[in-house]
């Protein structure tokens, strides 16, 4: 009995010392950040299978996209090539080497006058929602868009009940512009789209660099 109590006391003291050490290291910045296993990087061809799989889940189960049939991996390859061909970013977020989400910006409309205004797209794996990963990915996407001279980012969010995406954009500094009612039909019901926007850099206060 005595030995059992002694072992319990020693284990408790060791646990307390460990917690104190961890807390001290945290204050000193020595402990790795909880997101240290997470990184955001430019996408590669090797990511296309994961990108296609993540997007397919949203097509089949969500209202954030109005597509109703999942695109093929070759379709996604073509879309990514279009984005990269305009010198715009297509990023992935990975944890432990596994792609958990992707994001990119593309011209709001295909005509050249829109080349300084993009529509953002961001999709996370189903088990990656609500963990702050989308915010990390959005922050990096906006930073890279700004470095490429983009002045305005628009969000066209499927479904006015899409609280997750709307909340993410509000947290990233987007403002509501308007709602187009009942313009999409999916899952047997009419869906709105929510329009949001955010300026980047100096916004519209000056012409883009290299233009007249």
N, C-alpha and C. Protein backbone atom coordinates (compact mmCIF):
# COMPACT_ATOMS: atom_id res chain seq x y z
N UNK A 1 0.84 -1.20 0.00
CA UNK A 1 0.00 0.00 0.00
C UNK A 1 0.87 1.25 0.00
N UNK A 2 1.93 1.21 0.87
CA UNK A 2 2.81 2.37 0.95
C UNK A 2 3.50 2.62 -0.39
N UNK A 3 3.99 1.52 -1.01
CA UNK A 3 4.68 1.67 -2.29
C UNK A 3 3.72 2.20 -3.37
N UNK A 4 2.49 1.75 -3.33
CA UNK A 4 1.50 2.20 -4.30
C UNK A 4 1.25 3.70 -4.15
N UNK A 5 1.10 4.14 -2.89
CA UNK A 5 0.89 5.57 -2.66
C UNK A 5 2.10 6.38 -3.09
N UNK A 6 3.30 5.83 -2.84
CA UNK A 6 4.52 6.54 -3.20
C UNK A 6 4.62 6.68 -4.72
N UNK A 7 4.32 5.60 -5.44
CA UNK A 7 4.35 5.67 -6.90
C UNK A 7 3.34 6.69 -7.42
N UNK A 8 2.16 6.74 -6.79
CA UNK A 8 1.13 7.70 -7.21
C UNK A 8 1.61 9.13 -7.01
N UNK A 9 2.27 9.37 -5.84
CA UNK A 9 2.77 10.72 -5.57
C UNK A 9 3.85 11.11 -6.56
N UNK A 10 4.76 10.16 -6.83
CA UNK A 10 5.85 10.46 -7.76
C UNK A 10 5.32 10.71 -9.17
N UNK A 11 4.32 9.91 -9.58
CA UNK A 11 3.72 10.10 -10.91
C UNK A 11 3.03 11.45 -11.00
N UNK A 12 2.30 11.83 -9.94
CA UNK A 12 1.60 13.12 -9.92
C UNK A 12 2.58 14.27 -9.99
N UNK A 13 3.68 14.17 -9.18
CA UNK A 13 4.68 15.23 -9.20
C UNK A 13 5.33 15.34 -10.58
N UNK A 14 5.61 14.18 -11.19
CA UNK A 14 6.24 14.18 -12.52
C UNK A 14 5.32 14.84 -13.55
N UNK A 15 4.02 14.52 -13.45
CA UNK A 15 3.06 15.11 -14.39
C UNK A 15 2.99 16.62 -14.21
N UNK A 16 2.99 17.06 -12.94
CA UNK A 16 2.94 18.50 -12.67
C UNK A 16 4.19 19.20 -13.21
N UNK A 17 5.36 18.56 -12.98
CA UNK A 17 6.61 19.15 -13.48
C UNK A 17 6.59 19.24 -15.01
N UNK A 18 6.04 18.19 -15.64
CA UNK A 18 5.97 18.17 -17.10
C UNK A 18 5.08 19.30 -17.61
N UNK A 19 3.90 19.47 -16.96
CA UNK A 19 3.00 20.55 -17.35
C UNK A 19 3.66 21.91 -17.16
N UNK A 20 4.36 22.08 -16.02
CA UNK A 20 5.02 23.35 -15.75
C UNK A 20 6.11 23.62 -16.79
N UNK A 21 6.87 22.54 -17.13
CA UNK A 21 7.93 22.71 -18.13
C UNK A 21 7.34 23.09 -19.49
N UNK A 22 6.27 22.39 -19.87
CA UNK A 22 5.63 22.70 -21.15
C UNK A 22 5.12 24.13 -21.19
N UNK A 23 4.52 24.57 -20.05
CA UNK A 23 4.00 25.93 -20.00
C UNK A 23 5.13 26.94 -20.11
N UNK A 24 6.24 26.67 -19.41
CA UNK A 24 7.38 27.58 -19.47
C UNK A 24 7.94 27.65 -20.88
N UNK A 25 8.04 26.48 -21.55
CA UNK A 25 8.54 26.46 -22.91
C UNK A 25 7.59 27.19 -23.86
N UNK A 26 6.29 27.06 -23.56
CA UNK A 26 5.31 27.77 -24.38
C UNK A 26 5.51 29.28 -24.27
N UNK A 27 5.73 29.74 -23.02
CA UNK A 27 5.94 31.17 -22.81
C UNK A 27 7.21 31.64 -23.50
N UNK A 28 8.22 30.77 -23.55
CA UNK A 28 9.49 31.12 -24.17
C UNK A 28 9.48 30.92 -25.68
N UNK A 29 8.38 30.36 -26.17
CA UNK A 29 8.29 30.12 -27.61
C UNK A 29 9.06 28.90 -28.06
N UNK A 30 9.36 27.95 -27.13
CA UNK A 30 10.14 26.78 -27.49
C UNK A 30 9.29 25.63 -27.98
N UNK A 31 8.04 25.56 -27.54
CA UNK A 31 7.16 24.48 -27.98
C UNK A 31 6.71 24.74 -29.41
N UNK A 32 6.59 23.70 -30.21
CA UNK A 32 6.09 23.91 -31.56
C UNK A 32 4.65 24.38 -31.54
N UNK A 33 4.31 25.19 -32.52
CA UNK A 33 2.93 25.68 -32.65
C UNK A 33 2.01 24.50 -32.92
N UNK A 34 0.77 24.53 -32.38
CA UNK A 34 -0.16 23.43 -32.65
C UNK A 34 -0.37 23.18 -34.15
N UNK A 35 -0.13 24.19 -34.98
CA UNK A 35 -0.30 24.02 -36.41
C UNK A 35 1.03 23.73 -37.10
N UNK A 36 2.06 23.31 -36.32
CA UNK A 36 3.38 23.11 -36.90
C UNK A 36 3.40 21.98 -37.91
N UNK A 37 2.41 21.10 -37.84
CA UNK A 37 2.35 20.01 -38.82
C UNK A 37 1.55 20.42 -40.06
N UNK A 38 1.19 21.70 -40.12
CA UNK A 38 0.37 22.23 -41.22
C UNK A 38 1.21 23.17 -42.07
N UNK A 39 1.11 23.02 -43.37
CA UNK A 39 1.80 23.98 -44.24
C UNK A 39 0.94 24.25 -45.46
N UNK A 40 1.10 25.46 -45.98
CA UNK A 40 0.41 25.89 -47.19
C UNK A 40 1.47 26.10 -48.25
N UNK A 41 1.24 25.55 -49.41
CA UNK A 41 2.24 25.62 -50.47
C UNK A 41 1.55 25.67 -51.83
N UNK A 42 2.30 26.03 -52.88
CA UNK A 42 1.73 25.96 -54.22
C UNK A 42 1.37 24.51 -54.57
N UNK A 43 0.28 24.34 -55.26
CA UNK A 43 -0.13 23.00 -55.66
C UNK A 43 0.80 22.47 -56.76
N UNK A 44 0.82 21.14 -56.88
CA UNK A 44 1.58 20.48 -57.94
C UNK A 44 0.65 19.49 -58.64
N UNK A 45 1.13 18.94 -59.75
CA UNK A 45 0.34 17.93 -60.46
C UNK A 45 0.03 16.74 -59.55
N UNK A 46 0.93 16.45 -58.63
CA UNK A 46 0.73 15.31 -57.73
C UNK A 46 -0.44 15.51 -56.78
N UNK A 47 -0.90 16.75 -56.62
CA UNK A 47 -2.02 17.05 -55.72
C UNK A 47 -3.38 16.91 -56.39
N UNK A 48 -3.40 16.70 -57.69
CA UNK A 48 -4.66 16.76 -58.42
C UNK A 48 -5.66 15.69 -57.97
N UNK A 49 -5.19 14.51 -57.63
CA UNK A 49 -6.12 13.47 -57.18
C UNK A 49 -6.82 13.89 -55.90
N UNK A 50 -6.06 14.44 -54.95
CA UNK A 50 -6.65 14.89 -53.68
C UNK A 50 -7.58 16.08 -53.92
N UNK A 51 -7.15 17.01 -54.76
CA UNK A 51 -7.99 18.18 -55.07
C UNK A 51 -9.32 17.74 -55.68
N UNK A 52 -9.25 16.81 -56.62
CA UNK A 52 -10.45 16.32 -57.29
C UNK A 52 -11.38 15.63 -56.29
N UNK A 53 -10.80 14.86 -55.38
CA UNK A 53 -11.59 14.14 -54.37
C UNK A 53 -12.28 15.11 -53.41
N UNK A 54 -11.56 16.11 -52.94
CA UNK A 54 -12.14 17.09 -52.02
C UNK A 54 -13.28 17.84 -52.69
N UNK A 55 -13.04 18.27 -53.92
CA UNK A 55 -14.08 19.04 -54.62
C UNK A 55 -15.29 18.18 -54.93
N UNK A 56 -15.06 16.93 -55.28
CA UNK A 56 -16.18 16.03 -55.57
C UNK A 56 -17.11 15.90 -54.38
N UNK A 57 -16.55 15.86 -53.19
CA UNK A 57 -17.38 15.78 -51.98
C UNK A 57 -18.31 16.98 -51.89
N UNK A 58 -17.79 18.17 -52.18
CA UNK A 58 -18.62 19.37 -52.11
C UNK A 58 -19.68 19.39 -53.21
N UNK A 59 -19.33 18.92 -54.39
CA UNK A 59 -20.30 18.86 -55.47
C UNK A 59 -21.47 17.95 -55.11
N UNK A 60 -21.16 16.79 -54.55
CA UNK A 60 -22.18 15.78 -54.28
C UNK A 60 -22.95 16.02 -52.99
N UNK A 61 -22.36 16.77 -52.07
CA UNK A 61 -22.98 16.91 -50.75
C UNK A 61 -23.25 18.34 -50.31
N UNK A 62 -22.73 19.32 -51.01
CA UNK A 62 -22.85 20.69 -50.54
C UNK A 62 -23.53 21.61 -51.53
N UNK A 63 -23.87 22.79 -51.05
CA UNK A 63 -24.50 23.81 -51.89
C UNK A 63 -23.57 25.00 -52.15
N UNK A 64 -22.33 24.90 -51.68
CA UNK A 64 -21.39 25.98 -51.92
C UNK A 64 -21.00 26.09 -53.38
N UNK A 65 -21.06 24.99 -54.10
CA UNK A 65 -20.85 25.00 -55.55
C UNK A 65 -22.14 24.57 -56.22
N UNK A 66 -22.42 25.17 -57.36
CA UNK A 66 -23.64 24.83 -58.09
C UNK A 66 -23.40 23.75 -59.13
N UNK A 67 -22.18 23.21 -59.20
CA UNK A 67 -21.97 22.04 -60.05
C UNK A 67 -22.74 20.86 -59.46
N UNK A 68 -23.23 20.00 -60.33
CA UNK A 68 -24.01 18.85 -59.87
C UNK A 68 -23.36 17.52 -60.21
N UNK A 69 -22.37 17.53 -61.09
CA UNK A 69 -21.61 16.33 -61.43
C UNK A 69 -20.14 16.60 -61.17
N UNK A 70 -19.46 15.77 -60.38
CA UNK A 70 -18.06 16.04 -60.07
C UNK A 70 -17.18 16.04 -61.32
N UNK A 71 -16.34 17.04 -61.48
CA UNK A 71 -15.42 17.05 -62.62
C UNK A 71 -14.35 15.98 -62.45
N UNK A 72 -13.79 15.56 -63.55
CA UNK A 72 -12.74 14.55 -63.52
C UNK A 72 -11.41 15.17 -63.11
N UNK A 73 -10.45 14.33 -62.84
CA UNK A 73 -9.11 14.83 -62.52
C UNK A 73 -8.54 15.63 -63.69
N UNK A 74 -8.83 15.19 -64.91
CA UNK A 74 -8.34 15.92 -66.08
C UNK A 74 -9.01 17.29 -66.17
N UNK A 75 -10.29 17.36 -65.82
CA UNK A 75 -10.98 18.65 -65.78
C UNK A 75 -10.29 19.59 -64.81
N UNK A 76 -9.96 19.08 -63.63
CA UNK A 76 -9.31 19.91 -62.61
C UNK A 76 -7.91 20.31 -63.06
N UNK A 77 -7.26 19.45 -63.79
CA UNK A 77 -5.94 19.79 -64.33
C UNK A 77 -6.05 20.99 -65.27
N UNK A 78 -7.08 20.97 -66.12
CA UNK A 78 -7.30 22.07 -67.06
C UNK A 78 -7.62 23.37 -66.33
N UNK A 79 -8.46 23.28 -65.30
CA UNK A 79 -8.83 24.47 -64.54
C UNK A 79 -7.61 25.06 -63.83
N UNK A 80 -6.81 24.19 -63.26
CA UNK A 80 -5.61 24.66 -62.56
C UNK A 80 -4.64 25.31 -63.53
N UNK A 81 -4.48 24.72 -64.70
CA UNK A 81 -3.57 25.28 -65.70
C UNK A 81 -4.04 26.68 -66.13
N UNK A 82 -5.35 26.87 -66.21
CA UNK A 82 -5.89 28.18 -66.58
C UNK A 82 -5.54 29.22 -65.53
N UNK A 83 -5.68 28.86 -64.26
CA UNK A 83 -5.35 29.78 -63.16
C UNK A 83 -3.86 30.11 -63.17
N UNK A 84 -3.02 29.09 -63.24
CA UNK A 84 -1.58 29.32 -63.21
C UNK A 84 -1.11 30.09 -64.44
N UNK A 85 -1.79 29.88 -65.57
CA UNK A 85 -1.43 30.59 -66.79
C UNK A 85 -1.68 32.08 -66.70
N UNK A 86 -2.50 32.51 -65.77
CA UNK A 86 -2.76 33.93 -65.54
C UNK A 86 -1.89 34.48 -64.40
N UNK A 87 -0.90 33.71 -64.00
CA UNK A 87 -0.01 34.09 -62.90
C UNK A 87 -0.77 34.31 -61.60
N UNK A 88 -1.76 33.45 -61.35
CA UNK A 88 -2.53 33.50 -60.13
C UNK A 88 -2.25 32.25 -59.30
N UNK A 89 -2.44 32.32 -57.99
CA UNK A 89 -2.07 31.18 -57.13
C UNK A 89 -3.15 30.11 -57.06
N UNK A 90 -2.70 28.87 -57.02
CA UNK A 90 -3.55 27.72 -56.67
C UNK A 90 -2.80 27.00 -55.56
N UNK A 91 -3.31 27.11 -54.35
CA UNK A 91 -2.61 26.63 -53.16
C UNK A 91 -3.26 25.38 -52.59
N UNK A 92 -2.48 24.61 -51.85
CA UNK A 92 -3.02 23.51 -51.07
C UNK A 92 -2.56 23.65 -49.63
N UNK A 93 -3.37 23.17 -48.72
CA UNK A 93 -3.00 23.08 -47.31
C UNK A 93 -2.87 21.61 -46.98
N UNK A 94 -1.75 21.24 -46.38
CA UNK A 94 -1.54 19.85 -46.03
C UNK A 94 -1.15 19.70 -44.57
N UNK A 95 -1.51 18.57 -44.00
CA UNK A 95 -1.12 18.18 -42.65
C UNK A 95 -0.54 16.79 -42.73
N UNK A 96 0.64 16.62 -42.11
CA UNK A 96 1.31 15.32 -42.15
C UNK A 96 1.45 14.81 -43.58
N UNK A 97 1.63 15.73 -44.51
CA UNK A 97 1.81 15.34 -45.90
C UNK A 97 0.54 15.01 -46.64
N UNK A 98 -0.63 15.21 -46.01
CA UNK A 98 -1.91 14.89 -46.64
C UNK A 98 -2.62 16.19 -46.98
N UNK A 99 -3.07 16.35 -48.22
CA UNK A 99 -3.78 17.55 -48.64
C UNK A 99 -5.15 17.58 -47.98
N UNK A 100 -5.42 18.66 -47.24
CA UNK A 100 -6.69 18.79 -46.53
C UNK A 100 -7.58 19.90 -47.08
N UNK A 101 -7.04 20.67 -48.03
CA UNK A 101 -7.83 21.75 -48.62
C UNK A 101 -7.07 22.42 -49.73
N UNK A 102 -7.79 23.19 -50.54
CA UNK A 102 -7.15 23.94 -51.62
C UNK A 102 -7.89 25.25 -51.83
N UNK A 103 -7.19 26.21 -52.42
CA UNK A 103 -7.78 27.52 -52.67
C UNK A 103 -7.08 28.15 -53.86
N UNK A 104 -7.83 28.96 -54.57
CA UNK A 104 -7.24 29.67 -55.71
C UNK A 104 -8.08 30.90 -56.02
N UNK A 105 -7.52 31.76 -56.85
CA UNK A 105 -8.26 32.90 -57.36
C UNK A 105 -8.21 32.90 -58.87
N UNK A 106 -9.31 33.25 -59.50
CA UNK A 106 -9.33 33.36 -60.96
C UNK A 106 -10.09 34.63 -61.33
N UNK A 107 -9.82 35.13 -62.54
CA UNK A 107 -10.50 36.34 -62.96
C UNK A 107 -11.99 36.22 -62.70
N UNK A 108 -12.59 37.31 -62.23
CA UNK A 108 -14.01 37.31 -61.93
C UNK A 108 -14.84 37.00 -63.17
N UNK A 109 -14.40 37.51 -64.31
CA UNK A 109 -14.98 37.21 -65.62
C UNK A 109 -13.82 37.01 -66.58
N UNK A 110 -14.05 36.31 -67.70
CA UNK A 110 -12.91 35.98 -68.56
C UNK A 110 -12.34 37.13 -69.37
N UNK A 111 -13.03 38.25 -69.47
CA UNK A 111 -12.53 39.34 -70.29
C UNK A 111 -11.36 40.05 -69.59
N UNK A 112 -10.39 40.52 -70.38
CA UNK A 112 -9.14 41.04 -69.80
C UNK A 112 -9.29 42.20 -68.83
N UNK A 113 -10.33 43.01 -68.97
CA UNK A 113 -10.50 44.13 -68.06
C UNK A 113 -10.68 43.67 -66.61
N UNK A 114 -11.02 42.40 -66.41
CA UNK A 114 -11.20 41.86 -65.06
C UNK A 114 -9.91 41.35 -64.45
N UNK A 115 -8.78 41.54 -65.13
CA UNK A 115 -7.55 40.87 -64.70
C UNK A 115 -7.02 41.34 -63.35
N UNK A 116 -7.54 42.43 -62.82
CA UNK A 116 -7.12 42.87 -61.48
C UNK A 116 -8.19 42.59 -60.42
N UNK A 117 -9.22 41.85 -60.84
CA UNK A 117 -10.30 41.47 -59.93
C UNK A 117 -10.51 39.97 -60.03
N UNK A 118 -10.47 39.28 -58.92
CA UNK A 118 -10.60 37.83 -58.97
C UNK A 118 -11.75 37.35 -58.09
N UNK A 119 -12.23 36.16 -58.40
CA UNK A 119 -13.17 35.46 -57.54
C UNK A 119 -12.39 34.38 -56.81
N UNK A 120 -12.53 34.31 -55.51
CA UNK A 120 -11.79 33.30 -54.74
C UNK A 120 -12.61 32.02 -54.65
N UNK A 121 -11.91 30.91 -54.52
CA UNK A 121 -12.52 29.60 -54.29
C UNK A 121 -11.70 28.89 -53.22
N UNK A 122 -12.37 28.31 -52.24
CA UNK A 122 -11.68 27.60 -51.17
C UNK A 122 -12.54 26.42 -50.74
N UNK A 123 -11.91 25.25 -50.68
CA UNK A 123 -12.62 24.01 -50.34
C UNK A 123 -11.74 23.20 -49.40
N UNK A 124 -12.35 22.73 -48.31
CA UNK A 124 -11.65 21.93 -47.33
C UNK A 124 -12.20 20.51 -47.31
N UNK A 125 -11.37 19.56 -46.93
CA UNK A 125 -11.83 18.19 -46.74
C UNK A 125 -12.92 18.18 -45.67
N UNK A 126 -13.81 17.21 -45.75
CA UNK A 126 -14.97 17.19 -44.86
C UNK A 126 -14.58 17.12 -43.39
N UNK A 127 -13.46 16.45 -43.08
CA UNK A 127 -13.05 16.32 -41.68
C UNK A 127 -12.09 17.42 -41.25
N UNK A 128 -11.90 18.42 -42.10
CA UNK A 128 -10.99 19.53 -41.76
C UNK A 128 -11.74 20.80 -41.42
N UNK A 129 -13.07 20.75 -41.43
CA UNK A 129 -13.87 21.95 -41.16
C UNK A 129 -13.87 22.28 -39.68
N UNK A 130 -13.99 23.58 -39.38
CA UNK A 130 -14.12 24.03 -38.00
C UNK A 130 -12.86 23.96 -37.18
N UNK A 131 -11.70 23.87 -37.81
CA UNK A 131 -10.44 23.76 -37.09
C UNK A 131 -9.51 24.95 -37.33
N UNK A 132 -10.02 25.96 -38.00
CA UNK A 132 -9.20 27.14 -38.27
C UNK A 132 -8.31 27.01 -39.49
N UNK A 133 -8.39 25.86 -40.17
CA UNK A 133 -7.53 25.65 -41.33
C UNK A 133 -7.96 26.51 -42.51
N UNK A 134 -9.27 26.66 -42.69
CA UNK A 134 -9.75 27.49 -43.78
C UNK A 134 -9.30 28.93 -43.64
N UNK A 135 -9.25 29.42 -42.42
CA UNK A 135 -8.80 30.80 -42.18
C UNK A 135 -7.32 30.96 -42.55
N UNK A 136 -6.52 29.96 -42.20
CA UNK A 136 -5.10 30.00 -42.57
C UNK A 136 -4.94 30.03 -44.08
N UNK A 137 -5.69 29.18 -44.75
CA UNK A 137 -5.59 29.09 -46.20
C UNK A 137 -6.07 30.38 -46.86
N UNK A 138 -7.16 30.93 -46.38
CA UNK A 138 -7.68 32.18 -46.93
C UNK A 138 -6.67 33.32 -46.74
N UNK A 139 -6.07 33.41 -45.57
CA UNK A 139 -5.10 34.46 -45.29
C UNK A 139 -3.94 34.41 -46.26
N UNK A 140 -3.43 33.21 -46.51
CA UNK A 140 -2.30 33.07 -47.43
C UNK A 140 -2.72 33.36 -48.86
N UNK A 141 -3.91 32.93 -49.24
CA UNK A 141 -4.39 33.21 -50.59
C UNK A 141 -4.48 34.71 -50.84
N UNK A 142 -5.06 35.44 -49.90
CA UNK A 142 -5.19 36.89 -50.07
C UNK A 142 -3.82 37.56 -50.15
N UNK A 143 -2.89 37.10 -49.34
CA UNK A 143 -1.55 37.68 -49.36
C UNK A 143 -0.89 37.46 -50.73
N UNK A 144 -1.05 36.28 -51.28
CA UNK A 144 -0.42 36.00 -52.57
C UNK A 144 -1.12 36.74 -53.70
N UNK A 145 -2.42 36.88 -53.61
CA UNK A 145 -3.13 37.66 -54.63
C UNK A 145 -2.68 39.12 -54.62
N UNK A 146 -2.52 39.66 -53.42
CA UNK A 146 -2.08 41.06 -53.32
C UNK A 146 -0.68 41.22 -53.91
N UNK A 147 0.20 40.27 -53.65
CA UNK A 147 1.55 40.36 -54.20
C UNK A 147 1.55 40.30 -55.72
N UNK A 148 0.52 39.72 -56.29
CA UNK A 148 0.42 39.62 -57.75
C UNK A 148 -0.32 40.81 -58.35
N UNK A 149 -0.63 41.81 -57.54
CA UNK A 149 -1.22 43.03 -58.05
C UNK A 149 -2.73 43.04 -58.12
N UNK A 150 -3.38 42.04 -57.53
CA UNK A 150 -4.84 42.01 -57.54
C UNK A 150 -5.36 43.09 -56.60
N UNK A 151 -6.41 43.82 -57.04
CA UNK A 151 -6.94 44.92 -56.25
C UNK A 151 -8.31 44.62 -55.63
N UNK A 152 -9.02 43.63 -56.15
CA UNK A 152 -10.36 43.33 -55.63
C UNK A 152 -10.58 41.83 -55.68
N UNK A 153 -11.10 41.29 -54.57
CA UNK A 153 -11.45 39.88 -54.51
C UNK A 153 -12.94 39.78 -54.25
N UNK A 154 -13.61 39.00 -55.07
CA UNK A 154 -15.04 38.77 -54.92
C UNK A 154 -15.30 37.33 -54.49
N UNK A 155 -16.30 37.17 -53.66
CA UNK A 155 -16.76 35.83 -53.28
C UNK A 155 -18.18 35.67 -53.79
N UNK A 156 -18.41 34.58 -54.49
CA UNK A 156 -19.75 34.23 -54.97
C UNK A 156 -20.12 32.94 -54.25
N UNK A 157 -20.86 33.08 -53.15
CA UNK A 157 -21.08 31.97 -52.23
C UNK A 157 -22.43 31.33 -52.50
N UNK A 158 -22.41 30.06 -52.80
CA UNK A 158 -23.65 29.35 -53.03
C UNK A 158 -24.41 29.14 -51.73
N UNK A 159 -25.69 29.49 -51.74
CA UNK A 159 -26.62 29.22 -50.64
C UNK A 159 -26.47 30.25 -49.52
N UNK A 160 -27.49 31.06 -49.33
CA UNK A 160 -27.46 32.08 -48.28
C UNK A 160 -27.44 31.45 -46.88
N UNK A 161 -27.70 30.14 -46.79
CA UNK A 161 -27.61 29.45 -45.50
C UNK A 161 -26.22 28.87 -45.26
N UNK A 162 -25.28 29.17 -46.14
CA UNK A 162 -23.93 28.63 -46.04
C UNK A 162 -23.13 29.45 -45.01
N UNK A 163 -23.46 29.24 -43.74
CA UNK A 163 -22.89 30.06 -42.67
C UNK A 163 -21.38 29.91 -42.57
N UNK A 164 -20.86 28.72 -42.86
CA UNK A 164 -19.42 28.50 -42.74
C UNK A 164 -18.63 29.38 -43.70
N UNK A 165 -19.00 29.37 -44.97
CA UNK A 165 -18.27 30.15 -45.95
C UNK A 165 -18.49 31.65 -45.75
N UNK A 166 -19.72 32.03 -45.44
CA UNK A 166 -19.99 33.45 -45.20
C UNK A 166 -19.19 33.94 -43.99
N UNK A 167 -19.17 33.15 -42.94
CA UNK A 167 -18.41 33.53 -41.74
C UNK A 167 -16.92 33.61 -42.00
N UNK A 168 -16.40 32.69 -42.80
CA UNK A 168 -14.98 32.71 -43.14
C UNK A 168 -14.63 33.99 -43.88
N UNK A 169 -15.46 34.38 -44.82
CA UNK A 169 -15.18 35.59 -45.59
C UNK A 169 -15.34 36.86 -44.75
N UNK A 170 -16.32 36.87 -43.87
CA UNK A 170 -16.46 38.03 -42.98
C UNK A 170 -15.22 38.17 -42.10
N UNK A 171 -14.73 37.04 -41.57
CA UNK A 171 -13.54 37.08 -40.72
C UNK A 171 -12.31 37.54 -41.49
N UNK A 172 -12.30 37.33 -42.82
CA UNK A 172 -11.17 37.73 -43.65
C UNK A 172 -11.32 39.16 -44.17
N UNK A 173 -12.34 39.88 -43.72
CA UNK A 173 -12.48 41.28 -44.09
C UNK A 173 -13.38 41.55 -45.27
N UNK A 174 -14.11 40.54 -45.74
CA UNK A 174 -15.05 40.76 -46.84
C UNK A 174 -16.32 41.43 -46.32
N UNK A 175 -16.98 42.16 -47.21
CA UNK A 175 -18.25 42.80 -46.89
C UNK A 175 -19.33 42.29 -47.84
N UNK A 176 -20.54 42.25 -47.33
CA UNK A 176 -21.67 41.85 -48.15
C UNK A 176 -21.93 42.89 -49.24
N UNK A 177 -22.20 42.42 -50.44
CA UNK A 177 -22.57 43.30 -51.54
C UNK A 177 -24.04 43.10 -51.90
N UNK A 178 -24.49 41.87 -51.82
CA UNK A 178 -25.88 41.62 -52.15
C UNK A 178 -26.18 40.14 -52.23
N UNK A 179 -27.42 39.82 -52.51
CA UNK A 179 -27.89 38.45 -52.65
C UNK A 179 -28.72 38.36 -53.92
N UNK A 180 -28.45 37.35 -54.71
CA UNK A 180 -29.31 37.05 -55.86
C UNK A 180 -30.18 35.87 -55.46
N UNK A 181 -31.46 36.13 -55.36
CA UNK A 181 -32.38 35.13 -54.85
C UNK A 181 -32.65 34.02 -55.87
N UNK A 182 -32.74 32.80 -55.34
CA UNK A 182 -33.29 31.66 -56.07
C UNK A 182 -32.79 31.55 -57.51
N UNK A 183 -31.49 31.58 -57.69
CA UNK A 183 -30.94 31.51 -59.05
C UNK A 183 -30.32 30.16 -59.36
N UNK A 184 -30.27 29.27 -58.37
CA UNK A 184 -29.74 27.94 -58.59
C UNK A 184 -30.71 26.88 -58.10
N UNK A 185 -30.72 25.73 -58.79
CA UNK A 185 -31.60 24.63 -58.39
C UNK A 185 -30.73 23.41 -58.14
N UNK A 186 -30.70 22.96 -56.89
CA UNK A 186 -29.88 21.81 -56.52
C UNK A 186 -30.50 21.13 -55.32
N UNK A 187 -30.43 19.82 -55.29
CA UNK A 187 -31.00 19.03 -54.21
C UNK A 187 -32.49 19.30 -54.02
N UNK A 188 -33.16 19.58 -55.12
CA UNK A 188 -34.61 19.76 -55.07
C UNK A 188 -35.08 21.06 -54.46
N UNK A 189 -34.24 22.07 -54.44
CA UNK A 189 -34.67 23.36 -53.90
C UNK A 189 -33.93 24.50 -54.58
N UNK A 190 -34.54 25.69 -54.49
CA UNK A 190 -33.92 26.89 -55.03
C UNK A 190 -32.85 27.40 -54.07
N UNK A 191 -31.76 27.88 -54.63
CA UNK A 191 -30.64 28.38 -53.83
C UNK A 191 -30.29 29.80 -54.25
N UNK A 192 -29.96 30.63 -53.27
CA UNK A 192 -29.46 31.98 -53.52
C UNK A 192 -27.96 31.92 -53.75
N UNK A 193 -27.40 33.04 -54.22
CA UNK A 193 -25.97 33.25 -54.11
C UNK A 193 -25.73 34.55 -53.35
N UNK A 194 -24.74 34.52 -52.48
CA UNK A 194 -24.36 35.67 -51.67
C UNK A 194 -23.10 36.28 -52.28
N UNK A 195 -23.13 37.57 -52.54
CA UNK A 195 -22.00 38.28 -53.13
C UNK A 195 -21.28 39.08 -52.05
N UNK A 196 -19.95 38.89 -51.97
CA UNK A 196 -19.13 39.61 -51.01
C UNK A 196 -17.88 40.11 -51.72
N UNK A 197 -17.25 41.13 -51.15
CA UNK A 197 -16.06 41.68 -51.78
C UNK A 197 -15.09 42.21 -50.73
N UNK A 198 -13.83 42.30 -51.17
CA UNK A 198 -12.79 42.89 -50.31
C UNK A 198 -11.71 43.50 -51.20
N UNK A 199 -11.34 44.76 -50.94
CA UNK A 199 -10.23 45.35 -51.69
C UNK A 199 -8.90 44.81 -51.18
N UNK A 200 -7.89 44.85 -52.04
CA UNK A 200 -6.53 44.48 -51.65
C UNK A 200 -5.59 45.63 -51.94
N UNK A 201 -4.54 45.72 -51.16
CA UNK A 201 -3.57 46.79 -51.37
C UNK A 201 -4.23 48.15 -51.26
N UNK A 202 -3.97 49.00 -52.24
CA UNK A 202 -4.55 50.35 -52.25
C UNK A 202 -5.93 50.36 -52.88
N UNK A 203 -6.42 49.17 -53.27
CA UNK A 203 -7.75 49.09 -53.84
C UNK A 203 -7.90 49.95 -55.08
N UNK A 204 -9.04 50.64 -55.22
CA UNK A 204 -9.27 51.44 -56.42
C UNK A 204 -8.75 52.88 -56.32
N UNK A 205 -7.94 53.16 -55.29
CA UNK A 205 -7.48 54.54 -55.11
C UNK A 205 -6.40 54.96 -56.10
N UNK A 206 -5.84 53.99 -56.81
CA UNK A 206 -4.81 54.29 -57.81
C UNK A 206 -4.88 53.25 -58.91
N UNK A 207 -4.41 53.59 -60.12
CA UNK A 207 -4.41 52.61 -61.21
C UNK A 207 -3.46 51.45 -60.89
N UNK A 208 -3.72 50.28 -61.46
CA UNK A 208 -2.78 49.17 -61.30
C UNK A 208 -1.41 49.54 -61.88
N UNK A 209 -0.37 48.95 -61.33
CA UNK A 209 0.97 49.25 -61.82
C UNK A 209 1.11 48.81 -63.27
N UNK A 210 1.79 49.66 -64.05
CA UNK A 210 2.05 49.33 -65.44
C UNK A 210 0.90 49.61 -66.38
N UNK A 211 -0.15 50.29 -65.86
CA UNK A 211 -1.29 50.62 -66.72
C UNK A 211 -1.43 52.14 -66.82
N UNK A 212 -2.24 52.57 -67.76
CA UNK A 212 -2.48 54.00 -67.95
C UNK A 212 -3.93 54.32 -67.64
